[in-house]
Amino acid sequence: MAKFKPFHEFQKPLMGFTPEAFLDYVETALPKDHLCRVVKEVVFSLDTEATEAKYSFLGQRTYHQKLLLSVLFCGYATGVRSSRKLAKRCLRE
């Protein structure tokens, strides 16, 4: 069993994408000057293997660290720090 939920769990059109294929999709779906492109480059260049190894296989799977970091970085970059507001923006945008 995997430790993390797939990136595409609630997005029907993206079913079957691997994280790498999802990132390729993002490249085609977002404008060249979009903030998410910069955040994606920064977050996915970070080495998070040490903390990923500490996650247990027991219990319910969690969202991947890099996905959560991306949401947090985008929120801070746009001045949104409330978890509820971040959740709304993730669903809307």
N, C-alpha and C. Protein backbone atom coordinates (compact mmCIF):
# COMPACT_ATOMS: atom_id res chain seq x y z
N MET A 1 0.84 -1.18 0.00
CA MET A 1 0.00 0.00 0.00
C MET A 1 0.89 1.25 0.00
N ALA A 2 0.47 2.26 -0.73
CA ALA A 2 1.24 3.50 -0.82
C ALA A 2 1.04 4.35 0.42
N LYS A 3 2.03 5.19 0.71
CA LYS A 3 1.94 6.09 1.86
C LYS A 3 1.08 7.31 1.55
N PHE A 4 1.11 7.75 0.29
CA PHE A 4 0.46 9.01 -0.07
C PHE A 4 -0.70 8.79 -1.03
N LYS A 5 -1.68 9.68 -0.95
CA LYS A 5 -2.78 9.68 -1.90
C LYS A 5 -2.24 10.14 -3.25
N PRO A 6 -2.80 9.65 -4.34
CA PRO A 6 -2.35 10.14 -5.65
C PRO A 6 -2.73 11.61 -5.82
N PHE A 7 -1.97 12.33 -6.61
CA PHE A 7 -2.22 13.76 -6.83
C PHE A 7 -3.58 14.01 -7.45
N HIS A 8 -4.09 13.06 -8.18
CA HIS A 8 -5.29 13.24 -8.99
C HIS A 8 -6.54 12.64 -8.37
N GLU A 9 -6.55 12.39 -7.09
CA GLU A 9 -7.61 11.61 -6.46
C GLU A 9 -9.03 12.12 -6.74
N PHE A 10 -9.24 13.43 -6.72
CA PHE A 10 -10.59 13.96 -6.87
C PHE A 10 -10.81 14.58 -8.24
N GLN A 11 -9.92 14.35 -9.19
CA GLN A 11 -10.03 14.96 -10.49
C GLN A 11 -10.23 13.88 -11.54
N LYS A 12 -11.46 13.64 -11.92
CA LYS A 12 -11.78 12.55 -12.85
C LYS A 12 -11.03 12.63 -14.18
N PRO A 13 -10.89 13.82 -14.82
CA PRO A 13 -10.20 13.85 -16.11
C PRO A 13 -8.73 13.46 -16.01
N LEU A 14 -8.16 13.53 -14.83
CA LEU A 14 -6.74 13.26 -14.67
C LEU A 14 -6.47 11.84 -14.17
N MET A 15 -7.49 11.00 -14.13
CA MET A 15 -7.33 9.64 -13.64
C MET A 15 -6.22 8.93 -14.38
N GLY A 16 -5.39 8.23 -13.66
CA GLY A 16 -4.34 7.45 -14.26
C GLY A 16 -3.03 8.20 -14.46
N PHE A 17 -2.99 9.48 -14.14
CA PHE A 17 -1.75 10.23 -14.28
C PHE A 17 -0.80 9.86 -13.17
N THR A 18 0.44 9.67 -13.51
CA THR A 18 1.49 9.56 -12.50
C THR A 18 1.84 10.98 -12.08
N PRO A 19 2.53 11.17 -10.96
CA PRO A 19 2.92 12.55 -10.59
C PRO A 19 3.70 13.25 -11.70
N GLU A 20 4.55 12.51 -12.41
CA GLU A 20 5.33 13.12 -13.49
C GLU A 20 4.43 13.54 -14.65
N ALA A 21 3.47 12.67 -15.00
CA ALA A 21 2.54 13.00 -16.08
C ALA A 21 1.65 14.17 -15.69
N PHE A 22 1.29 14.24 -14.41
CA PHE A 22 0.48 15.37 -13.93
C PHE A 22 1.26 16.67 -14.09
N LEU A 23 2.55 16.65 -13.76
CA LEU A 23 3.37 17.85 -13.90
C LEU A 23 3.49 18.26 -15.35
N ASP A 24 3.57 17.28 -16.26
CA ASP A 24 3.59 17.60 -17.69
C ASP A 24 2.28 18.24 -18.11
N TYR A 25 1.16 17.74 -17.56
CA TYR A 25 -0.15 18.31 -17.86
C TYR A 25 -0.21 19.76 -17.38
N VAL A 26 0.32 20.03 -16.19
CA VAL A 26 0.32 21.38 -15.64
C VAL A 26 1.07 22.32 -16.59
N GLU A 27 2.16 21.83 -17.17
CA GLU A 27 2.94 22.65 -18.09
C GLU A 27 2.10 23.11 -19.28
N THR A 28 1.19 22.28 -19.74
CA THR A 28 0.37 22.64 -20.90
C THR A 28 -0.88 23.42 -20.50
N ALA A 29 -1.35 23.26 -19.28
CA ALA A 29 -2.62 23.86 -18.87
C ALA A 29 -2.50 25.28 -18.33
N LEU A 30 -1.33 25.64 -17.79
CA LEU A 30 -1.17 26.96 -17.16
C LEU A 30 -0.45 27.93 -18.09
N PRO A 31 -0.81 29.21 -18.03
CA PRO A 31 -0.08 30.21 -18.80
C PRO A 31 1.39 30.25 -18.38
N LYS A 32 2.24 30.70 -19.27
CA LYS A 32 3.69 30.71 -19.02
C LYS A 32 4.08 31.55 -17.81
N ASP A 33 3.33 32.60 -17.50
CA ASP A 33 3.69 33.51 -16.41
C ASP A 33 2.91 33.25 -15.12
N HIS A 34 2.30 32.10 -14.98
CA HIS A 34 1.48 31.79 -13.81
C HIS A 34 2.36 31.49 -12.59
N LEU A 35 1.93 31.97 -11.42
CA LEU A 35 2.66 31.76 -10.16
C LEU A 35 2.87 30.27 -9.86
N CYS A 36 1.91 29.45 -10.20
CA CYS A 36 2.01 28.02 -9.90
C CYS A 36 3.21 27.36 -10.57
N ARG A 37 3.62 27.87 -11.70
CA ARG A 37 4.79 27.32 -12.39
C ARG A 37 6.05 27.52 -11.54
N VAL A 38 6.20 28.72 -10.98
CA VAL A 38 7.36 29.02 -10.15
C VAL A 38 7.34 28.17 -8.89
N VAL A 39 6.18 28.11 -8.26
CA VAL A 39 6.04 27.31 -7.03
C VAL A 39 6.35 25.84 -7.32
N LYS A 40 5.84 25.33 -8.41
CA LYS A 40 6.10 23.93 -8.78
C LYS A 40 7.59 23.67 -8.95
N GLU A 41 8.27 24.57 -9.64
CA GLU A 41 9.71 24.40 -9.84
C GLU A 41 10.47 24.39 -8.52
N VAL A 42 10.10 25.29 -7.63
CA VAL A 42 10.79 25.38 -6.33
C VAL A 42 10.50 24.15 -5.48
N VAL A 43 9.24 23.81 -5.33
CA VAL A 43 8.86 22.71 -4.44
C VAL A 43 9.39 21.37 -4.94
N PHE A 44 9.29 21.12 -6.23
CA PHE A 44 9.72 19.83 -6.74
C PHE A 44 11.24 19.72 -6.87
N SER A 45 11.95 20.82 -6.64
CA SER A 45 13.41 20.74 -6.61
C SER A 45 13.91 20.47 -5.19
N LEU A 46 13.03 20.59 -4.20
CA LEU A 46 13.41 20.32 -2.81
C LEU A 46 13.58 18.83 -2.57
N ASP A 47 14.55 18.48 -1.75
CA ASP A 47 14.77 17.08 -1.38
C ASP A 47 13.99 16.79 -0.10
N THR A 48 12.89 16.04 -0.23
CA THR A 48 12.04 15.74 0.91
C THR A 48 12.07 14.25 1.27
N GLU A 49 13.04 13.53 0.74
CA GLU A 49 13.10 12.08 0.98
C GLU A 49 13.22 11.73 2.46
N ALA A 50 13.99 12.50 3.21
CA ALA A 50 14.19 12.19 4.63
C ALA A 50 12.87 12.26 5.40
N THR A 51 12.07 13.26 5.14
CA THR A 51 10.79 13.36 5.86
C THR A 51 9.76 12.40 5.28
N GLU A 52 9.81 12.13 3.99
CA GLU A 52 8.88 11.17 3.40
C GLU A 52 9.10 9.78 3.99
N ALA A 53 10.34 9.45 4.30
CA ALA A 53 10.65 8.14 4.87
C ALA A 53 10.06 7.96 6.27
N LYS A 54 9.80 9.05 6.96
CA LYS A 54 9.24 8.97 8.31
C LYS A 54 7.74 8.67 8.32
N TYR A 55 7.07 8.84 7.18
CA TYR A 55 5.64 8.54 7.10
C TYR A 55 5.44 7.03 7.21
N SER A 56 4.40 6.62 7.91
CA SER A 56 4.11 5.21 8.11
C SER A 56 3.18 4.69 7.02
N PHE A 57 3.27 3.40 6.78
CA PHE A 57 2.34 2.76 5.85
C PHE A 57 1.02 2.43 6.55
N LEU A 58 0.98 2.57 7.87
CA LEU A 58 -0.22 2.24 8.63
C LEU A 58 -1.21 3.40 8.56
N GLY A 59 -2.47 3.08 8.67
CA GLY A 59 -3.50 4.11 8.70
C GLY A 59 -3.84 4.63 7.30
N GLN A 60 -4.63 5.69 7.29
CA GLN A 60 -5.07 6.27 6.03
C GLN A 60 -3.93 7.01 5.34
N ARG A 61 -3.93 6.96 4.02
CA ARG A 61 -2.89 7.66 3.27
C ARG A 61 -3.09 9.17 3.39
N THR A 62 -1.99 9.89 3.35
CA THR A 62 -2.02 11.34 3.46
C THR A 62 -1.72 11.97 2.11
N TYR A 63 -1.96 13.25 2.00
CA TYR A 63 -1.58 13.95 0.78
C TYR A 63 -0.07 14.05 0.73
N HIS A 64 0.47 14.04 -0.46
CA HIS A 64 1.92 14.10 -0.63
C HIS A 64 2.45 15.43 -0.11
N GLN A 65 3.61 15.37 0.51
CA GLN A 65 4.22 16.57 1.10
C GLN A 65 4.41 17.68 0.08
N LYS A 66 4.84 17.33 -1.10
CA LYS A 66 5.12 18.36 -2.11
C LYS A 66 3.84 19.04 -2.57
N LEU A 67 2.77 18.32 -2.61
CA LEU A 67 1.48 18.93 -2.96
C LEU A 67 1.06 19.91 -1.88
N LEU A 68 1.19 19.52 -0.62
CA LEU A 68 0.82 20.40 0.49
C LEU A 68 1.73 21.62 0.56
N LEU A 69 3.02 21.43 0.32
CA LEU A 69 3.95 22.55 0.31
C LEU A 69 3.60 23.53 -0.81
N SER A 70 3.20 23.01 -1.95
CA SER A 70 2.82 23.87 -3.08
C SER A 70 1.63 24.75 -2.71
N VAL A 71 0.64 24.17 -2.07
CA VAL A 71 -0.53 24.94 -1.65
C VAL A 71 -0.13 26.01 -0.64
N LEU A 72 0.69 25.62 0.31
CA LEU A 72 1.14 26.57 1.33
C LEU A 72 1.96 27.71 0.73
N PHE A 73 2.88 27.39 -0.17
CA PHE A 73 3.70 28.43 -0.81
C PHE A 73 2.85 29.38 -1.64
N CYS A 74 1.89 28.83 -2.40
CA CYS A 74 0.99 29.70 -3.19
C CYS A 74 0.18 30.61 -2.28
N GLY A 75 -0.28 30.06 -1.17
CA GLY A 75 -1.05 30.86 -0.21
C GLY A 75 -0.23 32.01 0.35
N TYR A 76 0.97 31.71 0.78
CA TYR A 76 1.82 32.77 1.33
C TYR A 76 2.19 33.80 0.27
N ALA A 77 2.41 33.36 -0.96
CA ALA A 77 2.77 34.28 -2.04
C ALA A 77 1.63 35.23 -2.39
N THR A 78 0.39 34.80 -2.17
CA THR A 78 -0.76 35.63 -2.51
C THR A 78 -1.42 36.25 -1.28
N GLY A 79 -0.85 36.02 -0.11
CA GLY A 79 -1.37 36.64 1.11
C GLY A 79 -2.51 35.88 1.76
N VAL A 80 -2.76 34.65 1.33
CA VAL A 80 -3.83 33.83 1.91
C VAL A 80 -3.18 32.85 2.88
N ARG A 81 -3.51 33.01 4.16
CA ARG A 81 -2.91 32.14 5.17
C ARG A 81 -3.92 31.27 5.91
N SER A 82 -5.17 31.53 5.71
CA SER A 82 -6.23 30.75 6.34
C SER A 82 -6.39 29.41 5.63
N SER A 83 -6.42 28.33 6.39
CA SER A 83 -6.56 27.01 5.77
C SER A 83 -7.91 26.88 5.06
N ARG A 84 -8.94 27.48 5.61
CA ARG A 84 -10.26 27.41 4.96
C ARG A 84 -10.26 28.17 3.64
N LYS A 85 -9.63 29.34 3.63
CA LYS A 85 -9.56 30.11 2.39
C LYS A 85 -8.69 29.40 1.36
N LEU A 86 -7.61 28.78 1.81
CA LEU A 86 -6.77 28.02 0.89
C LEU A 86 -7.55 26.86 0.29
N ALA A 87 -8.34 26.17 1.09
CA ALA A 87 -9.14 25.05 0.60
C ALA A 87 -10.14 25.53 -0.45
N LYS A 88 -10.79 26.66 -0.21
CA LYS A 88 -11.73 27.21 -1.18
C LYS A 88 -11.04 27.56 -2.49
N ARG A 89 -9.86 28.15 -2.38
CA ARG A 89 -9.13 28.55 -3.58
C ARG A 89 -8.65 27.33 -4.37
N CYS A 90 -8.32 26.25 -3.67
CA CYS A 90 -7.90 25.04 -4.36
C CYS A 90 -9.05 24.42 -5.15
N LEU A 91 -10.23 24.51 -4.63
CA LEU A 91 -11.39 23.98 -5.33
C LEU A 91 -11.83 24.87 -6.47
N ARG A 92 -11.66 26.16 -6.31
CA ARG A 92 -12.14 27.13 -7.29
C ARG A 92 -11.17 27.31 -8.44
N GLU A 93 -9.88 27.36 -8.18
CA GLU A 93 -8.91 27.72 -9.22
C GLU A 93 -8.20 26.53 -9.79
